[in-house]
N, C-alpha and C. Protein backbone atom coordinates (compact mmCIF):
# COMPACT_ATOMS: atom_id res chain seq x y z
N MET A 1 0.84 -1.22 0.04
CA MET A 1 -0.10 0.12 0.00
C MET A 1 0.91 1.29 0.10
N SER A 2 0.57 2.22 -0.98
CA SER A 2 1.51 3.42 -0.91
C SER A 2 1.17 4.49 0.03
N HIS A 3 2.12 4.92 0.66
CA HIS A 3 1.85 5.97 1.60
C HIS A 3 1.88 7.64 0.83
N PHE A 4 2.19 7.53 -0.34
CA PHE A 4 2.01 8.88 -1.01
C PHE A 4 0.65 9.43 -1.10
N SER A 5 0.64 10.75 -0.81
CA SER A 5 -0.57 11.58 -1.08
C SER A 5 -0.43 12.26 -2.28
N GLN A 6 -1.50 12.53 -3.11
CA GLN A 6 -1.36 13.31 -4.28
C GLN A 6 -2.44 14.42 -4.18
N ILE A 7 -1.98 15.82 -3.99
CA ILE A 7 -2.94 17.00 -3.76
C ILE A 7 -2.95 17.57 -5.15
N LYS A 8 -4.26 17.85 -5.52
CA LYS A 8 -4.50 18.49 -6.63
C LYS A 8 -4.15 20.19 -6.65
N THR A 9 -3.59 20.67 -7.51
CA THR A 9 -3.43 22.24 -7.70
C THR A 9 -4.01 22.72 -8.99
N GLN A 10 -3.72 24.14 -9.06
CA GLN A 10 -4.30 24.73 -10.42
C GLN A 10 -2.85 24.81 -11.16
N ILE A 11 -1.95 24.31 -10.81
CA ILE A 11 -0.51 24.62 -11.69
C ILE A 11 -0.47 23.76 -12.74
N ARG A 12 -0.35 24.54 -14.05
CA ARG A 12 -0.54 23.91 -15.41
C ARG A 12 0.86 24.20 -16.26
N ASN A 13 1.70 25.10 -15.68
CA ASN A 13 2.78 25.56 -16.58
C ASN A 13 4.06 25.16 -15.76
N LEU A 14 4.90 24.27 -16.21
CA LEU A 14 6.00 23.82 -15.66
C LEU A 14 7.12 24.86 -15.27
N ASP A 15 7.33 25.51 -16.27
CA ASP A 15 8.39 26.64 -16.19
C ASP A 15 7.85 27.66 -15.20
N SER A 16 6.89 28.08 -14.93
CA SER A 16 6.17 28.94 -14.01
C SER A 16 6.30 28.38 -12.77
N LEU A 17 5.81 27.03 -12.59
CA LEU A 17 6.11 26.46 -11.49
C LEU A 17 7.88 26.37 -10.93
N LYS A 18 8.62 26.14 -11.79
CA LYS A 18 10.03 26.19 -11.48
C LYS A 18 10.47 27.44 -11.10
N ASP A 19 10.07 28.60 -11.70
CA ASP A 19 10.42 29.79 -11.58
C ASP A 19 9.82 30.40 -10.12
N ALA A 20 8.51 29.72 -9.81
CA ALA A 20 7.90 30.10 -8.51
C ALA A 20 9.05 29.53 -7.36
N LEU A 21 9.06 28.08 -7.58
CA LEU A 21 10.01 27.42 -6.54
C LEU A 21 11.35 28.17 -6.45
N THR A 22 11.89 28.60 -7.49
CA THR A 22 13.17 29.21 -7.37
C THR A 22 13.31 30.59 -6.68
N GLU A 23 11.91 31.33 -6.88
CA GLU A 23 11.74 32.57 -6.20
C GLU A 23 11.55 32.46 -4.49
N LEU A 24 10.85 31.25 -4.35
CA LEU A 24 10.79 30.95 -2.96
C LEU A 24 11.91 30.53 -2.12
N GLY A 25 13.02 30.27 -2.97
CA GLY A 25 14.40 29.73 -2.47
C GLY A 25 14.29 28.30 -2.08
N VAL A 26 13.35 27.56 -2.87
CA VAL A 26 13.43 26.10 -2.73
C VAL A 26 14.48 25.49 -3.64
N ASP A 27 15.18 24.61 -3.05
CA ASP A 27 16.22 23.80 -3.66
C ASP A 27 15.63 22.68 -4.43
N TRP A 28 15.20 22.66 -5.75
CA TRP A 28 14.52 21.67 -6.40
C TRP A 28 15.53 21.20 -7.53
N LYS A 29 14.91 19.97 -8.12
CA LYS A 29 15.65 19.09 -8.97
C LYS A 29 14.65 18.98 -10.17
N PRO A 30 15.21 19.19 -11.44
CA PRO A 30 14.11 18.73 -12.67
C PRO A 30 14.01 17.28 -12.70
N GLY A 31 13.07 16.88 -13.40
CA GLY A 31 12.84 15.46 -13.61
C GLY A 31 12.82 15.27 -15.00
N PRO A 32 12.40 14.18 -15.45
CA PRO A 32 11.49 13.17 -14.58
C PRO A 32 12.47 12.43 -13.56
N ARG A 33 12.16 12.41 -12.31
CA ARG A 33 12.95 11.83 -11.12
C ARG A 33 11.78 11.08 -10.40
N GLU A 34 12.46 10.24 -9.57
CA GLU A 34 11.70 9.31 -8.52
C GLU A 34 11.72 10.08 -7.15
N VAL A 35 10.47 10.16 -6.71
CA VAL A 35 10.16 11.03 -5.50
C VAL A 35 10.28 9.82 -4.47
N ARG A 36 11.14 9.98 -3.43
CA ARG A 36 11.39 8.95 -2.26
C ARG A 36 10.41 8.97 -1.26
N GLY A 37 9.81 7.73 -0.94
CA GLY A 37 8.93 7.87 0.06
C GLY A 37 9.06 6.53 1.32
N TYR A 38 8.09 6.32 2.01
CA TYR A 38 8.20 5.16 3.08
C TYR A 38 8.77 3.89 2.53
N ARG A 39 9.57 3.22 3.12
CA ARG A 39 10.01 1.86 2.88
C ARG A 39 10.69 1.68 1.42
N GLY A 40 11.37 2.79 0.94
CA GLY A 40 11.82 2.77 -0.39
C GLY A 40 10.88 3.08 -1.45
N GLN A 41 9.60 3.13 -1.22
CA GLN A 41 8.64 3.41 -1.99
C GLN A 41 8.91 4.74 -3.18
N THR A 42 8.74 4.66 -4.29
CA THR A 42 9.05 5.94 -5.20
C THR A 42 7.92 6.31 -5.96
N HIS A 43 7.79 7.56 -6.43
CA HIS A 43 6.59 7.83 -7.22
C HIS A 43 7.51 8.81 -8.34
N PRO A 44 7.00 8.66 -9.62
CA PRO A 44 7.63 9.50 -10.56
C PRO A 44 7.02 11.08 -10.39
N ALA A 45 8.11 12.02 -10.69
CA ALA A 45 7.67 13.42 -10.64
C ALA A 45 8.56 14.23 -11.76
N GLU A 46 7.83 15.34 -12.11
CA GLU A 46 8.75 16.36 -13.07
C GLU A 46 9.34 17.08 -12.24
N VAL A 47 9.20 17.51 -11.20
CA VAL A 47 10.05 18.23 -10.23
C VAL A 47 10.14 17.69 -8.96
N SER A 48 11.38 17.45 -8.23
CA SER A 48 11.52 17.12 -6.97
C SER A 48 12.04 17.93 -5.86
N ILE A 49 11.80 17.81 -4.65
CA ILE A 49 12.49 18.63 -3.68
C ILE A 49 12.91 17.61 -2.64
N GLU A 50 14.22 17.56 -2.49
CA GLU A 50 14.62 16.56 -1.37
C GLU A 50 14.71 17.21 -0.02
N GLN A 51 14.22 16.38 0.88
CA GLN A 51 14.38 16.79 2.27
C GLN A 51 15.18 16.13 3.10
N GLU A 52 15.99 16.75 4.13
CA GLU A 52 17.05 16.21 4.91
C GLU A 52 16.78 14.85 5.49
N ASN A 53 15.37 14.43 5.68
CA ASN A 53 14.98 13.23 6.19
C ASN A 53 15.22 11.98 5.20
N GLY A 54 15.39 12.28 4.01
CA GLY A 54 15.33 11.18 2.93
C GLY A 54 14.19 11.08 2.25
N TYR A 55 12.99 11.83 2.61
CA TYR A 55 11.72 11.65 1.93
C TYR A 55 11.52 12.95 0.98
N ASP A 56 11.01 12.71 -0.36
CA ASP A 56 10.87 14.00 -0.92
C ASP A 56 9.51 14.41 -1.26
N ILE A 57 9.54 15.60 -1.79
CA ILE A 57 8.22 16.27 -2.21
C ILE A 57 8.40 16.22 -3.70
N GLY A 58 7.21 16.19 -4.61
CA GLY A 58 7.53 16.22 -6.03
C GLY A 58 6.08 16.88 -6.50
N PHE A 59 6.29 17.19 -7.83
CA PHE A 59 5.22 17.74 -8.53
C PHE A 59 5.01 16.98 -9.85
N LYS A 60 3.93 16.19 -9.77
CA LYS A 60 3.75 15.16 -11.23
C LYS A 60 2.59 15.64 -12.05
N TRP A 61 2.75 15.67 -13.44
CA TRP A 61 1.80 15.85 -14.29
C TRP A 61 0.69 14.77 -14.19
N ASN A 62 -0.55 15.10 -14.11
CA ASN A 62 -1.62 13.97 -14.10
C ASN A 62 -2.45 14.07 -15.44
N GLY A 63 -1.92 15.06 -16.28
CA GLY A 63 -2.76 15.03 -17.71
C GLY A 63 -3.55 16.29 -17.60
N LEU A 64 -3.76 17.00 -16.48
CA LEU A 64 -4.43 18.22 -16.53
C LEU A 64 -3.63 19.27 -15.66
N GLU A 65 -2.86 18.74 -14.78
CA GLU A 65 -2.36 20.02 -13.69
C GLU A 65 -1.09 19.18 -13.12
N TYR A 66 -0.26 19.98 -12.35
CA TYR A 66 0.76 19.15 -11.65
C TYR A 66 0.23 19.26 -10.19
N GLU A 67 0.26 17.87 -9.68
CA GLU A 67 -0.14 17.64 -8.27
C GLU A 67 0.99 17.61 -7.58
N LEU A 68 0.85 18.04 -6.26
CA LEU A 68 1.88 17.69 -5.26
C LEU A 68 1.84 16.24 -5.14
N VAL A 69 2.87 15.61 -4.90
CA VAL A 69 3.18 14.26 -4.44
C VAL A 69 3.97 14.12 -3.25
N ALA A 70 3.81 13.48 -2.14
CA ALA A 70 4.67 13.22 -1.13
C ALA A 70 4.06 12.47 -0.08
N ASP A 71 4.88 11.76 0.67
CA ASP A 71 4.40 10.95 1.68
C ASP A 71 4.21 12.02 2.97
N LEU A 72 3.16 12.60 3.30
CA LEU A 72 2.87 13.51 4.10
C LEU A 72 3.41 13.08 5.50
N GLN A 73 3.41 12.05 6.04
CA GLN A 73 3.79 11.53 7.28
C GLN A 73 5.14 12.09 7.67
N TYR A 74 6.06 12.22 6.46
CA TYR A 74 7.38 12.82 6.61
C TYR A 74 7.64 14.13 6.12
N TRP A 75 6.60 14.76 6.22
CA TRP A 75 6.70 16.29 5.59
C TRP A 75 7.64 17.05 6.61
N GLN A 76 8.63 17.85 5.92
CA GLN A 76 9.65 18.41 6.74
C GLN A 76 9.84 19.78 6.23
N GLN A 77 9.06 20.72 6.11
CA GLN A 77 9.12 21.93 5.58
C GLN A 77 8.90 23.04 6.84
N ASN A 78 9.29 24.34 6.70
CA ASN A 78 9.22 25.40 7.49
C ASN A 78 7.44 25.56 7.58
N LEU A 79 6.69 25.43 6.60
CA LEU A 79 5.39 25.39 6.45
C LEU A 79 4.57 24.31 6.54
N SER A 80 3.32 24.40 6.87
CA SER A 80 2.48 23.16 6.66
C SER A 80 2.31 22.89 5.06
N VAL A 81 1.55 21.84 4.75
CA VAL A 81 1.46 21.52 3.53
C VAL A 81 0.50 22.61 2.93
N ASP A 82 -0.48 23.04 3.44
CA ASP A 82 -1.49 24.21 2.95
C ASP A 82 -0.52 25.30 2.72
N GLY A 83 0.16 25.65 3.84
CA GLY A 83 0.88 26.72 3.79
C GLY A 83 1.77 26.92 2.56
N PHE A 84 2.56 25.71 2.46
CA PHE A 84 3.48 25.62 1.24
C PHE A 84 2.86 25.85 -0.02
N LEU A 85 1.83 25.11 -0.15
CA LEU A 85 0.94 25.22 -1.45
C LEU A 85 0.53 26.49 -1.69
N ARG A 86 0.11 27.15 -0.69
CA ARG A 86 -0.38 28.57 -0.88
C ARG A 86 0.66 29.51 -1.34
N GLN A 87 1.77 29.46 -0.70
CA GLN A 87 3.11 30.18 -1.19
C GLN A 87 3.29 29.82 -2.75
N VAL A 88 3.54 28.47 -2.95
CA VAL A 88 3.77 28.29 -4.38
C VAL A 88 2.99 28.62 -5.37
N THR A 89 1.60 28.48 -4.98
CA THR A 89 0.53 28.97 -5.85
C THR A 89 0.54 30.26 -6.10
N GLN A 90 0.91 31.10 -5.05
CA GLN A 90 0.82 32.63 -5.18
C GLN A 90 2.01 32.90 -6.23
N ARG A 91 3.24 32.44 -5.84
CA ARG A 91 4.24 32.90 -6.87
C ARG A 91 4.13 32.24 -8.09
N TYR A 92 3.41 31.19 -8.37
CA TYR A 92 3.15 30.54 -9.67
C TYR A 92 2.27 31.67 -10.39
N ALA A 93 1.12 31.94 -9.81
CA ALA A 93 0.17 33.12 -10.39
C ALA A 93 0.90 34.20 -10.87
N TYR A 94 1.77 34.52 -9.95
CA TYR A 94 2.48 36.05 -10.21
C TYR A 94 3.47 35.78 -11.60
N GLN A 95 4.14 34.62 -11.38
CA GLN A 95 5.11 34.32 -12.59
C GLN A 95 4.19 34.03 -14.00
N THR A 96 3.08 33.54 -13.86
CA THR A 96 2.12 33.36 -14.85
C THR A 96 1.65 34.57 -15.45
N VAL A 97 1.12 35.63 -14.68
CA VAL A 97 0.53 36.90 -15.04
C VAL A 97 1.71 37.61 -15.75
N VAL A 98 2.82 37.93 -14.96
CA VAL A 98 3.99 38.51 -15.84
C VAL A 98 4.50 38.10 -16.86
N LYS A 99 4.67 36.70 -17.24
CA LYS A 99 5.07 36.01 -18.54
C LYS A 99 3.88 36.52 -19.49
N GLU A 100 2.74 35.88 -19.16
CA GLU A 100 1.48 36.31 -20.14
C GLU A 100 1.44 37.74 -20.76
N THR A 101 1.44 38.62 -19.65
CA THR A 101 1.21 39.94 -19.96
C THR A 101 2.49 40.45 -20.70
N ALA A 102 3.76 39.92 -20.74
CA ALA A 102 4.90 40.20 -21.24
C ALA A 102 4.67 39.59 -22.69
N ARG A 103 4.28 38.66 -22.83
CA ARG A 103 4.06 37.98 -24.19
C ARG A 103 3.24 38.85 -25.04
N VAL A 104 2.12 39.45 -24.56
CA VAL A 104 1.25 40.29 -25.23
C VAL A 104 1.77 41.73 -25.11
N GLY A 105 2.76 42.08 -24.99
CA GLY A 105 3.37 43.36 -25.04
C GLY A 105 3.22 44.19 -23.65
N PHE A 106 2.96 43.79 -22.63
CA PHE A 106 2.72 44.64 -21.52
C PHE A 106 3.83 44.44 -20.42
N GLN A 107 4.02 45.64 -19.68
CA GLN A 107 5.10 45.64 -18.63
C GLN A 107 4.51 45.97 -17.31
N VAL A 108 4.96 45.23 -16.32
CA VAL A 108 4.73 45.66 -14.86
C VAL A 108 5.27 47.06 -14.64
N SER A 109 4.31 48.04 -14.35
CA SER A 109 4.61 49.27 -14.06
C SER A 109 4.52 49.45 -12.52
N GLU A 110 3.85 48.78 -11.79
CA GLU A 110 3.73 48.99 -10.38
C GLU A 110 3.44 47.65 -9.74
N GLN A 111 3.97 47.63 -8.53
CA GLN A 111 3.75 46.16 -7.79
C GLN A 111 3.87 46.62 -6.33
N GLN A 112 2.88 45.99 -5.63
CA GLN A 112 2.70 46.36 -4.10
C GLN A 112 2.31 45.04 -3.55
N LYS A 113 2.92 44.86 -2.54
CA LYS A 113 2.62 43.83 -1.36
C LYS A 113 1.64 44.16 -0.45
N ASN A 114 0.49 43.66 -0.19
CA ASN A 114 -0.54 44.17 0.59
C ASN A 114 -0.29 43.51 2.11
N GLU A 115 -0.75 44.00 3.18
CA GLU A 115 -0.74 43.49 4.39
C GLU A 115 -1.14 42.12 4.64
N ASP A 116 -2.21 41.86 3.73
CA ASP A 116 -2.74 40.35 3.88
C ASP A 116 -2.07 39.33 2.92
N GLY A 117 -1.01 39.87 2.39
CA GLY A 117 0.02 38.89 1.53
C GLY A 117 -0.28 38.90 0.10
N SER A 118 -1.36 39.42 -0.17
CA SER A 118 -1.73 39.51 -1.59
C SER A 118 -0.71 40.56 -2.48
N ILE A 119 -0.87 40.40 -3.71
CA ILE A 119 -0.03 41.40 -4.49
C ILE A 119 -0.78 42.14 -5.57
N ARG A 120 -0.66 43.43 -5.64
CA ARG A 120 -1.15 44.24 -6.46
C ARG A 120 -0.26 44.59 -7.83
N LEU A 121 -0.71 44.15 -8.86
CA LEU A 121 0.05 44.36 -9.84
C LEU A 121 -0.52 45.32 -10.83
N VAL A 122 0.10 46.35 -11.36
CA VAL A 122 -0.31 47.11 -12.61
C VAL A 122 0.55 46.97 -13.76
N VAL A 123 -0.07 46.61 -14.81
CA VAL A 123 0.66 46.36 -15.98
C VAL A 123 0.11 47.46 -17.19
N GLN A 124 0.95 47.76 -17.98
CA GLN A 124 0.69 48.75 -19.05
C GLN A 124 1.18 48.51 -20.17
N ARG A 125 0.76 48.89 -21.34
CA ARG A 125 1.18 48.70 -22.82
C ARG A 125 1.13 50.15 -23.39
N TRP A 126 2.39 50.56 -23.96
CA TRP A 126 2.40 51.62 -24.80
C TRP A 126 2.06 51.42 -26.23
N SER A 127 1.38 51.98 -26.90
CA SER A 127 0.91 52.10 -28.41
C SER A 127 1.39 53.32 -29.05
N ALA A 128 1.74 53.14 -30.17
CA ALA A 128 1.93 54.30 -31.06
C ALA A 128 0.75 54.95 -31.59
C-alpha cells in the first residue's frame, strides 16, 4: 500500500512552477525523477524537492495539472502542506501573469505587496 498523497493544484505551466519554487528559495531538481517515500517506495515526478530526512516532495503531471506528491507523514518543511502550497500557488500565479502579459506586450509598471499577503500588479502597454 502506497503512503504517497497526491494533492491537486491549479498549476499547469512547468516553467512558471520552476520559477515560483526558485523565487521562494526552494532547492528543486528537474525531472523526470523518482520521489522517495516510506520503505523505499518511489513515485515519478517532473520536479522533486529533497528533504533532509530522505523523503521527497514532488510535482507530477496528471494530464491536467501538476499535483503535489509526497508522503505527508514525513513532511519536513517550515510551513504546513497548505501553507507551502499557498506560497507556491501565489508565486506561480505571479509568474504566470508577468509572463503572459509580457508575451502580449505589457510591462509591470507597479507592484505592491499588501498586508494580507496579496500582491497588486499594474501592467501597461504603450502603443503608437
